[in-house]
Amino acid sequence: QEGAMEAPCIKAYHEEEERYSRLILEYHNTKQRKKICKKVSNMIEKYHIVPFTTVTPKDGKNGEYSLEFRDDYDRKSGDFFEDLIHSLGVEHCEME
């Protein structure tokens, strides 16, 4: 039964350079996409910073959320991303 298969977990990839930080979250179904969207909104309210956000669907179910902070002098993105990853239940984040 194809419908009964559980989707893979949300995957996270983090990239950081001087004053630039990006987190990519891979989702595998609509439920995960909506969960990411909701949690990102919560983090924006909590931290009062807004990342450049790009959502790139790969097909009907899978896609990527890319969250970027440019000119991150205060390094606020670290707490934002850490809190976001934790709230999504992501257990492992790849560093790029």
N, C-alpha and C. Protein backbone atom coordinates (compact mmCIF):
# COMPACT_ATOMS: atom_id res chain seq x y z
N GLN A 1 0.83 -1.19 0.00
CA GLN A 1 0.00 0.00 0.00
C GLN A 1 0.87 1.25 0.00
N GLU A 2 0.81 1.96 -1.08
CA GLU A 2 1.65 3.14 -1.20
C GLU A 2 1.20 4.27 -0.27
N GLY A 3 -0.10 4.44 -0.11
CA GLY A 3 -0.64 5.52 0.71
C GLY A 3 -0.30 5.38 2.18
N ALA A 4 -0.04 4.15 2.63
CA ALA A 4 0.23 3.91 4.05
C ALA A 4 1.68 4.17 4.42
N MET A 5 2.54 4.35 3.43
CA MET A 5 3.95 4.61 3.72
C MET A 5 4.12 5.96 4.41
N GLU A 6 4.95 5.95 5.44
CA GLU A 6 5.20 7.21 6.14
C GLU A 6 6.27 8.00 5.40
N ALA A 7 6.06 9.29 5.31
CA ALA A 7 7.01 10.16 4.61
C ALA A 7 8.31 10.24 5.39
N PRO A 8 9.44 10.42 4.68
CA PRO A 8 10.70 10.63 5.39
C PRO A 8 10.61 11.88 6.27
N CYS A 9 11.46 11.96 7.26
CA CYS A 9 11.49 13.12 8.16
C CYS A 9 11.97 14.36 7.39
N ILE A 10 11.66 15.51 7.96
CA ILE A 10 12.17 16.77 7.41
C ILE A 10 13.69 16.75 7.56
N LYS A 11 14.40 17.10 6.51
CA LYS A 11 15.86 17.15 6.56
C LYS A 11 16.31 18.61 6.58
N ALA A 12 17.39 18.87 7.31
CA ALA A 12 17.90 20.24 7.43
C ALA A 12 19.36 20.31 6.98
N TYR A 13 19.68 21.38 6.26
CA TYR A 13 21.05 21.64 5.79
C TYR A 13 21.38 23.08 6.13
N HIS A 14 22.51 23.29 6.77
CA HIS A 14 22.89 24.64 7.21
C HIS A 14 24.19 25.06 6.55
N GLU A 15 24.22 26.29 6.11
CA GLU A 15 25.41 26.86 5.45
C GLU A 15 25.68 28.21 6.09
N GLU A 16 26.94 28.47 6.42
CA GLU A 16 27.25 29.73 7.10
C GLU A 16 28.57 30.30 6.60
N GLU A 17 28.57 31.57 6.34
CA GLU A 17 29.78 32.31 6.00
C GLU A 17 29.75 33.57 6.85
N GLU A 18 30.72 34.42 6.68
CA GLU A 18 30.74 35.66 7.45
C GLU A 18 29.48 36.49 7.17
N ARG A 19 28.71 36.77 8.19
CA ARG A 19 27.49 37.59 8.12
C ARG A 19 26.41 37.01 7.20
N TYR A 20 26.54 35.75 6.82
CA TYR A 20 25.52 35.11 5.97
C TYR A 20 25.23 33.73 6.53
N SER A 21 23.96 33.39 6.60
CA SER A 21 23.57 32.10 7.12
C SER A 21 22.33 31.62 6.38
N ARG A 22 22.33 30.33 6.01
CA ARG A 22 21.18 29.79 5.29
C ARG A 22 20.83 28.41 5.84
N LEU A 23 19.55 28.19 5.98
CA LEU A 23 19.03 26.89 6.39
C LEU A 23 18.08 26.40 5.32
N ILE A 24 18.31 25.18 4.85
CA ILE A 24 17.41 24.57 3.88
C ILE A 24 16.70 23.42 4.59
N LEU A 25 15.38 23.43 4.50
CA LEU A 25 14.55 22.37 5.08
C LEU A 25 13.87 21.63 3.94
N GLU A 26 14.13 20.34 3.83
CA GLU A 26 13.48 19.51 2.82
C GLU A 26 12.22 18.90 3.41
N TYR A 27 11.09 19.10 2.73
CA TYR A 27 9.84 18.50 3.19
C TYR A 27 9.40 17.44 2.18
N HIS A 28 8.54 16.52 2.66
CA HIS A 28 8.16 15.37 1.84
C HIS A 28 6.65 15.18 1.70
N ASN A 29 5.88 16.10 2.26
CA ASN A 29 4.43 16.07 2.06
C ASN A 29 3.84 17.43 2.46
N THR A 30 2.57 17.62 2.16
CA THR A 30 1.91 18.90 2.43
C THR A 30 1.87 19.21 3.92
N LYS A 31 1.68 18.19 4.74
CA LYS A 31 1.63 18.37 6.18
C LYS A 31 2.95 18.96 6.70
N GLN A 32 4.07 18.43 6.21
CA GLN A 32 5.38 18.95 6.63
C GLN A 32 5.58 20.38 6.13
N ARG A 33 5.16 20.65 4.89
CA ARG A 33 5.32 22.00 4.33
C ARG A 33 4.56 23.01 5.18
N LYS A 34 3.32 22.66 5.54
CA LYS A 34 2.50 23.56 6.35
C LYS A 34 3.09 23.74 7.75
N LYS A 35 3.65 22.67 8.30
CA LYS A 35 4.27 22.72 9.63
C LYS A 35 5.47 23.66 9.61
N ILE A 36 6.30 23.55 8.57
CA ILE A 36 7.47 24.44 8.45
C ILE A 36 7.01 25.89 8.37
N CYS A 37 6.00 26.13 7.53
CA CYS A 37 5.49 27.50 7.34
C CYS A 37 5.01 28.09 8.66
N LYS A 38 4.26 27.31 9.42
CA LYS A 38 3.73 27.76 10.71
C LYS A 38 4.86 28.04 11.71
N LYS A 39 5.82 27.13 11.77
CA LYS A 39 6.93 27.29 12.73
C LYS A 39 7.81 28.48 12.36
N VAL A 40 8.02 28.71 11.06
CA VAL A 40 8.80 29.88 10.63
C VAL A 40 8.09 31.16 11.07
N SER A 41 6.77 31.21 10.89
CA SER A 41 5.99 32.38 11.34
C SER A 41 6.14 32.60 12.84
N ASN A 42 6.10 31.50 13.61
CA ASN A 42 6.28 31.59 15.06
C ASN A 42 7.64 32.17 15.42
N MET A 43 8.68 31.73 14.70
CA MET A 43 10.05 32.21 14.98
C MET A 43 10.20 33.70 14.62
N ILE A 44 9.56 34.12 13.53
CA ILE A 44 9.61 35.53 13.14
C ILE A 44 8.99 36.40 14.24
N GLU A 45 7.87 35.95 14.77
CA GLU A 45 7.22 36.68 15.87
C GLU A 45 8.10 36.71 17.11
N LYS A 46 8.72 35.57 17.42
CA LYS A 46 9.52 35.45 18.64
C LYS A 46 10.82 36.26 18.56
N TYR A 47 11.52 36.21 17.42
CA TYR A 47 12.83 36.84 17.31
C TYR A 47 12.81 38.21 16.64
N HIS A 48 11.69 38.59 16.06
CA HIS A 48 11.54 39.89 15.39
C HIS A 48 12.57 40.09 14.28
N ILE A 49 12.89 39.01 13.59
CA ILE A 49 13.74 39.08 12.40
C ILE A 49 13.08 38.24 11.31
N VAL A 50 13.25 38.66 10.07
CA VAL A 50 12.57 37.98 8.95
C VAL A 50 13.62 37.51 7.94
N PRO A 51 13.74 36.19 7.77
CA PRO A 51 14.69 35.69 6.78
C PRO A 51 14.15 35.85 5.36
N PHE A 52 15.07 35.92 4.39
CA PHE A 52 14.66 35.82 2.99
C PHE A 52 14.21 34.38 2.80
N THR A 53 12.98 34.18 2.38
CA THR A 53 12.42 32.84 2.31
C THR A 53 12.05 32.48 0.88
N THR A 54 12.49 31.30 0.46
CA THR A 54 12.15 30.78 -0.86
C THR A 54 11.62 29.37 -0.68
N VAL A 55 10.47 29.09 -1.28
CA VAL A 55 9.91 27.75 -1.26
C VAL A 55 9.99 27.21 -2.68
N THR A 56 10.66 26.07 -2.83
CA THR A 56 10.84 25.48 -4.16
C THR A 56 10.24 24.09 -4.18
N PRO A 57 9.03 23.95 -4.75
CA PRO A 57 8.44 22.61 -4.88
C PRO A 57 9.23 21.79 -5.90
N LYS A 58 9.45 20.50 -5.60
CA LYS A 58 10.12 19.61 -6.55
C LYS A 58 9.09 18.81 -7.33
N ASP A 59 7.98 18.51 -6.67
CA ASP A 59 6.85 17.84 -7.32
C ASP A 59 5.63 18.10 -6.44
N GLY A 60 4.59 17.32 -6.55
CA GLY A 60 3.37 17.56 -5.80
C GLY A 60 3.52 17.47 -4.29
N LYS A 61 4.52 16.73 -3.82
CA LYS A 61 4.68 16.51 -2.38
C LYS A 61 5.98 17.08 -1.83
N ASN A 62 7.07 16.87 -2.54
CA ASN A 62 8.41 17.21 -2.04
C ASN A 62 8.84 18.61 -2.44
N GLY A 63 9.70 19.18 -1.61
CA GLY A 63 10.24 20.49 -1.93
C GLY A 63 11.20 20.98 -0.86
N GLU A 64 11.62 22.23 -1.00
CA GLU A 64 12.57 22.83 -0.07
C GLU A 64 12.12 24.20 0.39
N TYR A 65 12.35 24.47 1.64
CA TYR A 65 12.22 25.80 2.22
C TYR A 65 13.64 26.30 2.41
N SER A 66 13.98 27.43 1.84
CA SER A 66 15.30 28.02 2.03
C SER A 66 15.12 29.32 2.81
N LEU A 67 15.79 29.40 3.94
CA LEU A 67 15.73 30.59 4.81
C LEU A 67 17.12 31.19 4.88
N GLU A 68 17.24 32.46 4.50
CA GLU A 68 18.55 33.11 4.47
C GLU A 68 18.56 34.40 5.28
N PHE A 69 19.67 34.59 5.98
CA PHE A 69 19.93 35.87 6.64
C PHE A 69 21.19 36.43 6.01
N ARG A 70 21.08 37.65 5.48
CA ARG A 70 22.24 38.35 4.91
C ARG A 70 22.58 39.50 5.84
N ASP A 71 23.82 39.86 5.91
CA ASP A 71 24.27 40.92 6.82
C ASP A 71 23.82 40.65 8.25
N ASP A 72 24.07 39.44 8.71
CA ASP A 72 23.67 39.00 10.05
C ASP A 72 24.75 39.38 11.06
N TYR A 73 24.90 40.70 11.30
CA TYR A 73 25.95 41.20 12.19
C TYR A 73 25.77 40.71 13.63
N ASP A 74 24.52 40.60 14.07
CA ASP A 74 24.25 40.23 15.46
C ASP A 74 24.22 38.72 15.67
N ARG A 75 24.36 37.98 14.59
CA ARG A 75 24.32 36.51 14.67
C ARG A 75 23.01 36.01 15.28
N LYS A 76 21.93 36.71 15.02
CA LYS A 76 20.62 36.29 15.54
C LYS A 76 20.12 35.03 14.83
N SER A 77 20.62 34.78 13.64
CA SER A 77 20.14 33.64 12.85
C SER A 77 20.41 32.31 13.56
N GLY A 78 21.50 32.24 14.32
CA GLY A 78 21.83 30.99 15.01
C GLY A 78 20.73 30.53 15.94
N ASP A 79 20.27 31.44 16.80
CA ASP A 79 19.19 31.10 17.73
C ASP A 79 17.89 30.81 16.98
N PHE A 80 17.61 31.62 15.96
CA PHE A 80 16.40 31.46 15.14
C PHE A 80 16.39 30.05 14.53
N PHE A 81 17.50 29.68 13.88
CA PHE A 81 17.57 28.37 13.21
C PHE A 81 17.54 27.22 14.21
N GLU A 82 18.27 27.37 15.31
CA GLU A 82 18.32 26.30 16.31
C GLU A 82 16.94 26.05 16.90
N ASP A 83 16.26 27.10 17.24
CA ASP A 83 14.91 27.01 17.79
C ASP A 83 13.95 26.40 16.77
N LEU A 84 14.07 26.83 15.51
CA LEU A 84 13.22 26.31 14.44
C LEU A 84 13.43 24.82 14.25
N ILE A 85 14.67 24.40 14.15
CA ILE A 85 15.00 22.98 13.96
C ILE A 85 14.45 22.15 15.11
N HIS A 86 14.66 22.64 16.34
CA HIS A 86 14.17 21.95 17.53
C HIS A 86 12.64 21.84 17.51
N SER A 87 11.95 22.93 17.16
CA SER A 87 10.49 22.95 17.17
C SER A 87 9.90 22.04 16.09
N LEU A 88 10.67 21.78 15.04
CA LEU A 88 10.22 20.87 13.97
C LEU A 88 10.54 19.41 14.28
N GLY A 89 11.30 19.19 15.33
CA GLY A 89 11.67 17.82 15.68
C GLY A 89 12.75 17.23 14.78
N VAL A 90 13.52 18.09 14.14
CA VAL A 90 14.61 17.61 13.27
C VAL A 90 15.76 17.18 14.17
N GLU A 91 16.20 15.95 13.99
CA GLU A 91 17.22 15.40 14.89
C GLU A 91 18.64 15.65 14.41
N HIS A 92 18.80 15.86 13.10
CA HIS A 92 20.15 16.02 12.57
C HIS A 92 20.17 17.12 11.51
N CYS A 93 21.16 17.97 11.58
CA CYS A 93 21.30 19.05 10.60
C CYS A 93 22.67 18.93 9.96
N GLU A 94 22.69 18.81 8.64
CA GLU A 94 23.95 18.70 7.89
C GLU A 94 24.56 20.10 7.75
N MET A 95 25.85 20.19 7.92
CA MET A 95 26.57 21.45 7.70
C MET A 95 27.15 21.40 6.30
N GLU A 96 26.98 22.48 5.54
CA GLU A 96 27.51 22.49 4.17
C GLU A 96 28.68 23.44 4.07
